[in-house]
Amino acid sequence: MVITVKPPGHLVKPGGKVELHCKPKGDEHLKIEWFKENGIIRKTANIESNGQLLVLPSVVSDDSGWYICAGTSSAGDVVSTKTKLAVKAVSFNFITNT
């Protein structure tokens, strides 16, 4: 399985929307579930597209962490992959000439 993140990259600003796509390889028909390592996924998150899409609207710093996409086949085999998400405010340093 492959997880892709929109917007691209794993560092996002607070308040932004993040979409995590979990795509099984080939013709795998899996029951997809999402987990957050050492934490819980906030109730404001939406799971769409038969579990393949996890939408985190208006992310906050507590949303940072490892997200795990696990798929279970009809035979009971489990495959999983994970991605790290970091929510951080962007700071700017200005240099002025005096």
N, C-alpha and C. Protein backbone atom coordinates (compact mmCIF):
# COMPACT_ATOMS: atom_id res chain seq x y z
N MET A 1 0.84 -1.17 0.00
CA MET A 1 0.00 0.00 0.00
C MET A 1 0.89 1.23 0.00
N VAL A 2 0.33 2.31 -0.49
CA VAL A 2 1.05 3.57 -0.55
C VAL A 2 0.16 4.66 0.04
N ILE A 3 0.74 5.55 0.88
CA ILE A 3 0.01 6.70 1.38
C ILE A 3 0.56 7.94 0.70
N THR A 4 -0.34 8.76 0.15
CA THR A 4 0.07 10.06 -0.39
C THR A 4 -0.61 11.15 0.43
N VAL A 5 0.06 12.29 0.53
CA VAL A 5 -0.41 13.39 1.36
C VAL A 5 -0.71 14.60 0.47
N LYS A 6 -1.86 15.22 0.67
CA LYS A 6 -2.20 16.48 -0.01
C LYS A 6 -2.53 17.50 1.05
N PRO A 7 -1.93 18.67 1.05
CA PRO A 7 -0.92 19.11 0.09
C PRO A 7 0.35 18.30 0.23
N PRO A 8 1.16 18.22 -0.84
CA PRO A 8 2.39 17.42 -0.80
C PRO A 8 3.31 17.85 0.34
N GLY A 9 4.05 16.90 0.85
CA GLY A 9 4.96 17.19 1.96
C GLY A 9 4.32 16.76 3.25
N HIS A 10 5.12 16.71 4.26
CA HIS A 10 4.63 16.23 5.55
C HIS A 10 4.61 17.32 6.60
N LEU A 11 4.94 18.55 6.20
CA LEU A 11 4.93 19.68 7.11
C LEU A 11 3.83 20.64 6.66
N VAL A 12 2.85 20.85 7.51
CA VAL A 12 1.72 21.71 7.16
C VAL A 12 1.51 22.77 8.23
N LYS A 13 0.89 23.87 7.82
CA LYS A 13 0.59 24.96 8.75
C LYS A 13 -0.72 24.70 9.48
N PRO A 14 -0.84 25.15 10.72
CA PRO A 14 -2.10 25.02 11.46
C PRO A 14 -3.24 25.69 10.68
N GLY A 15 -4.41 25.08 10.75
CA GLY A 15 -5.58 25.63 10.10
C GLY A 15 -5.80 25.10 8.70
N GLY A 16 -4.81 24.46 8.13
CA GLY A 16 -4.93 23.92 6.77
C GLY A 16 -5.66 22.59 6.75
N LYS A 17 -6.07 22.21 5.56
CA LYS A 17 -6.75 20.93 5.35
C LYS A 17 -5.72 19.94 4.82
N VAL A 18 -5.73 18.73 5.37
CA VAL A 18 -4.81 17.68 4.94
C VAL A 18 -5.61 16.46 4.51
N GLU A 19 -5.21 15.88 3.39
CA GLU A 19 -5.82 14.64 2.92
C GLU A 19 -4.75 13.57 2.84
N LEU A 20 -5.02 12.44 3.49
CA LEU A 20 -4.13 11.29 3.43
C LEU A 20 -4.83 10.22 2.61
N HIS A 21 -4.21 9.84 1.51
CA HIS A 21 -4.78 8.85 0.60
C HIS A 21 -4.04 7.53 0.79
N CYS A 22 -4.78 6.46 1.02
CA CYS A 22 -4.21 5.13 1.18
C CYS A 22 -4.61 4.33 -0.05
N LYS A 23 -3.64 3.98 -0.86
CA LYS A 23 -3.92 3.30 -2.12
C LYS A 23 -3.33 1.89 -2.11
N PRO A 24 -4.19 0.86 -2.09
CA PRO A 24 -3.68 -0.50 -2.21
C PRO A 24 -3.01 -0.70 -3.56
N LYS A 25 -1.98 -1.54 -3.60
CA LYS A 25 -1.29 -1.83 -4.86
C LYS A 25 -2.10 -2.84 -5.66
N GLY A 26 -2.08 -2.68 -6.97
CA GLY A 26 -2.74 -3.64 -7.85
C GLY A 26 -4.24 -3.70 -7.63
N ASP A 27 -4.76 -4.90 -7.68
CA ASP A 27 -6.20 -5.12 -7.55
C ASP A 27 -6.60 -5.58 -6.16
N GLU A 28 -5.79 -5.25 -5.17
CA GLU A 28 -6.11 -5.67 -3.81
C GLU A 28 -7.47 -5.10 -3.38
N HIS A 29 -8.30 -5.93 -2.82
CA HIS A 29 -9.58 -5.48 -2.26
C HIS A 29 -9.46 -5.64 -0.75
N LEU A 30 -9.21 -4.53 -0.10
CA LEU A 30 -8.93 -4.56 1.33
C LEU A 30 -9.92 -3.70 2.09
N LYS A 31 -10.20 -4.10 3.32
CA LYS A 31 -10.96 -3.25 4.24
C LYS A 31 -9.92 -2.33 4.88
N ILE A 32 -10.05 -1.02 4.62
CA ILE A 32 -9.06 -0.04 5.06
C ILE A 32 -9.48 0.58 6.39
N GLU A 33 -8.52 0.70 7.31
CA GLU A 33 -8.73 1.39 8.58
C GLU A 33 -7.55 2.32 8.82
N TRP A 34 -7.83 3.43 9.50
CA TRP A 34 -6.81 4.42 9.84
C TRP A 34 -6.58 4.45 11.34
N PHE A 35 -5.32 4.64 11.72
CA PHE A 35 -4.93 4.75 13.12
C PHE A 35 -3.89 5.86 13.25
N LYS A 36 -3.79 6.41 14.44
CA LYS A 36 -2.73 7.36 14.75
C LYS A 36 -1.87 6.72 15.83
N GLU A 37 -0.57 6.59 15.54
CA GLU A 37 0.34 5.96 16.48
C GLU A 37 0.42 6.78 17.77
N ASN A 38 0.25 6.13 18.90
CA ASN A 38 0.31 6.78 20.22
C ASN A 38 -0.69 7.93 20.36
N GLY A 39 -1.83 7.79 19.76
CA GLY A 39 -2.82 8.86 19.88
C GLY A 39 -4.13 8.47 19.23
N ILE A 40 -5.03 9.43 19.17
CA ILE A 40 -6.33 9.19 18.54
C ILE A 40 -6.52 10.19 17.40
N ILE A 41 -7.28 9.77 16.42
CA ILE A 41 -7.64 10.67 15.32
C ILE A 41 -8.83 11.49 15.79
N ARG A 42 -8.73 12.81 15.65
CA ARG A 42 -9.80 13.69 16.14
C ARG A 42 -11.14 13.37 15.48
N LYS A 43 -12.21 13.63 16.22
CA LYS A 43 -13.57 13.36 15.74
C LYS A 43 -13.94 14.21 14.53
N THR A 44 -13.24 15.32 14.31
CA THR A 44 -13.54 16.18 13.17
C THR A 44 -13.01 15.60 11.86
N ALA A 45 -12.20 14.55 11.93
CA ALA A 45 -11.66 13.91 10.73
C ALA A 45 -12.77 13.15 10.01
N ASN A 46 -12.65 13.07 8.70
CA ASN A 46 -13.61 12.33 7.88
C ASN A 46 -12.89 11.22 7.15
N ILE A 47 -13.52 10.05 7.09
CA ILE A 47 -12.99 8.94 6.32
C ILE A 47 -13.93 8.73 5.15
N GLU A 48 -13.36 8.80 3.93
CA GLU A 48 -14.16 8.75 2.71
C GLU A 48 -13.59 7.71 1.74
N SER A 49 -14.26 7.54 0.62
CA SER A 49 -13.81 6.65 -0.46
C SER A 49 -13.49 5.24 0.03
N ASN A 50 -14.46 4.64 0.70
CA ASN A 50 -14.30 3.27 1.23
C ASN A 50 -13.08 3.14 2.13
N GLY A 51 -12.79 4.19 2.89
CA GLY A 51 -11.70 4.17 3.84
C GLY A 51 -10.36 4.61 3.27
N GLN A 52 -10.27 4.78 1.96
CA GLN A 52 -9.00 5.11 1.34
C GLN A 52 -8.57 6.56 1.55
N LEU A 53 -9.46 7.41 2.00
CA LEU A 53 -9.15 8.83 2.17
C LEU A 53 -9.47 9.28 3.60
N LEU A 54 -8.46 9.83 4.27
CA LEU A 54 -8.63 10.43 5.59
C LEU A 54 -8.45 11.93 5.44
N VAL A 55 -9.49 12.70 5.76
CA VAL A 55 -9.46 14.15 5.63
C VAL A 55 -9.40 14.77 7.01
N LEU A 56 -8.37 15.60 7.23
CA LEU A 56 -8.21 16.32 8.49
C LEU A 56 -8.44 17.80 8.20
N PRO A 57 -9.66 18.30 8.47
CA PRO A 57 -9.92 19.71 8.22
C PRO A 57 -9.35 20.57 9.34
N SER A 58 -8.79 21.68 9.00
CA SER A 58 -8.29 22.64 9.98
C SER A 58 -7.38 21.98 11.02
N VAL A 59 -6.21 21.51 10.57
CA VAL A 59 -5.30 20.80 11.45
C VAL A 59 -4.73 21.70 12.55
N VAL A 60 -4.42 21.07 13.67
CA VAL A 60 -3.79 21.73 14.82
C VAL A 60 -2.54 20.94 15.18
N SER A 61 -1.71 21.48 16.07
CA SER A 61 -0.44 20.81 16.40
C SER A 61 -0.66 19.41 16.96
N ASP A 62 -1.78 19.17 17.66
CA ASP A 62 -2.07 17.84 18.20
C ASP A 62 -2.29 16.80 17.11
N ASP A 63 -2.51 17.25 15.86
CA ASP A 63 -2.68 16.31 14.75
C ASP A 63 -1.34 15.77 14.26
N SER A 64 -0.24 16.34 14.73
CA SER A 64 1.09 15.85 14.34
C SER A 64 1.27 14.41 14.82
N GLY A 65 1.97 13.62 14.03
CA GLY A 65 2.28 12.26 14.43
C GLY A 65 2.29 11.31 13.26
N TRP A 66 2.41 10.04 13.56
CA TRP A 66 2.42 8.98 12.55
C TRP A 66 1.01 8.49 12.31
N TYR A 67 0.60 8.44 11.04
CA TYR A 67 -0.70 7.93 10.65
C TYR A 67 -0.50 6.60 9.94
N ILE A 68 -1.29 5.62 10.35
CA ILE A 68 -1.15 4.27 9.84
C ILE A 68 -2.41 3.89 9.06
N CYS A 69 -2.19 3.39 7.87
CA CYS A 69 -3.26 2.87 7.03
C CYS A 69 -3.09 1.35 7.03
N ALA A 70 -4.10 0.64 7.51
CA ALA A 70 -4.03 -0.82 7.57
C ALA A 70 -5.15 -1.41 6.73
N GLY A 71 -4.81 -2.39 5.94
CA GLY A 71 -5.80 -3.05 5.09
C GLY A 71 -5.87 -4.53 5.41
N THR A 72 -7.10 -5.04 5.52
CA THR A 72 -7.32 -6.45 5.80
C THR A 72 -7.99 -7.10 4.61
N SER A 73 -7.42 -8.20 4.14
CA SER A 73 -8.00 -8.92 3.01
C SER A 73 -9.10 -9.85 3.49
N SER A 74 -9.85 -10.41 2.55
CA SER A 74 -10.92 -11.35 2.91
C SER A 74 -10.35 -12.61 3.56
N ALA A 75 -9.07 -12.90 3.33
CA ALA A 75 -8.42 -14.06 3.94
C ALA A 75 -7.89 -13.75 5.34
N GLY A 76 -8.00 -12.47 5.76
CA GLY A 76 -7.54 -12.09 7.08
C GLY A 76 -6.11 -11.58 7.13
N ASP A 77 -5.45 -11.51 5.96
CA ASP A 77 -4.09 -10.97 5.90
C ASP A 77 -4.12 -9.46 6.08
N VAL A 78 -3.19 -8.94 6.87
CA VAL A 78 -3.14 -7.51 7.14
C VAL A 78 -1.86 -6.92 6.56
N VAL A 79 -2.00 -5.83 5.81
CA VAL A 79 -0.86 -5.07 5.33
C VAL A 79 -1.04 -3.65 5.82
N SER A 80 0.07 -2.97 6.09
CA SER A 80 -0.06 -1.60 6.56
C SER A 80 1.14 -0.77 6.12
N THR A 81 0.95 0.52 6.16
CA THR A 81 2.01 1.47 5.89
C THR A 81 1.72 2.71 6.72
N LYS A 82 2.73 3.56 6.91
CA LYS A 82 2.49 4.74 7.72
C LYS A 82 3.23 5.93 7.15
N THR A 83 2.77 7.12 7.55
CA THR A 83 3.41 8.36 7.14
C THR A 83 3.39 9.32 8.32
N LYS A 84 4.37 10.21 8.35
CA LYS A 84 4.46 11.18 9.44
C LYS A 84 3.92 12.52 8.98
N LEU A 85 3.14 13.15 9.86
CA LEU A 85 2.59 14.47 9.60
C LEU A 85 3.05 15.41 10.70
N ALA A 86 3.57 16.57 10.32
CA ALA A 86 4.00 17.57 11.29
C ALA A 86 3.23 18.86 11.03
N VAL A 87 2.57 19.37 12.06
CA VAL A 87 1.83 20.62 11.96
C VAL A 87 2.60 21.66 12.75
N LYS A 88 3.13 22.66 12.03
CA LYS A 88 3.94 23.69 12.68
C LYS A 88 3.66 25.04 12.06
N ALA A 89 3.64 26.05 12.92
CA ALA A 89 3.49 27.42 12.44
C ALA A 89 4.77 27.82 11.73
N VAL A 90 4.63 28.57 10.67
CA VAL A 90 5.79 29.04 9.93
C VAL A 90 6.19 30.39 10.49
N SER A 91 7.46 30.53 10.79
CA SER A 91 7.94 31.83 11.29
C SER A 91 8.85 32.45 10.25
N PHE A 92 8.84 33.76 10.23
CA PHE A 92 9.66 34.49 9.29
C PHE A 92 10.69 35.32 10.05
N ASN A 93 11.89 35.34 9.55
CA ASN A 93 12.93 36.19 10.12
C ASN A 93 13.24 37.27 9.09
N PHE A 94 13.07 38.50 9.49
CA PHE A 94 13.33 39.62 8.60
C PHE A 94 14.67 40.24 8.94
N ILE A 95 15.42 40.52 7.92
CA ILE A 95 16.70 41.21 8.11
C ILE A 95 16.55 42.59 7.51
N THR A 96 16.86 43.57 8.30
CA THR A 96 16.76 44.94 7.81
C THR A 96 18.15 45.56 7.78
N ASN A 97 18.36 46.38 6.80
CA ASN A 97 19.62 47.12 6.70
C ASN A 97 19.41 48.48 7.31
N THR A 98 20.25 48.85 8.22
CA THR A 98 20.12 50.17 8.84
C THR A 98 21.33 51.02 8.56
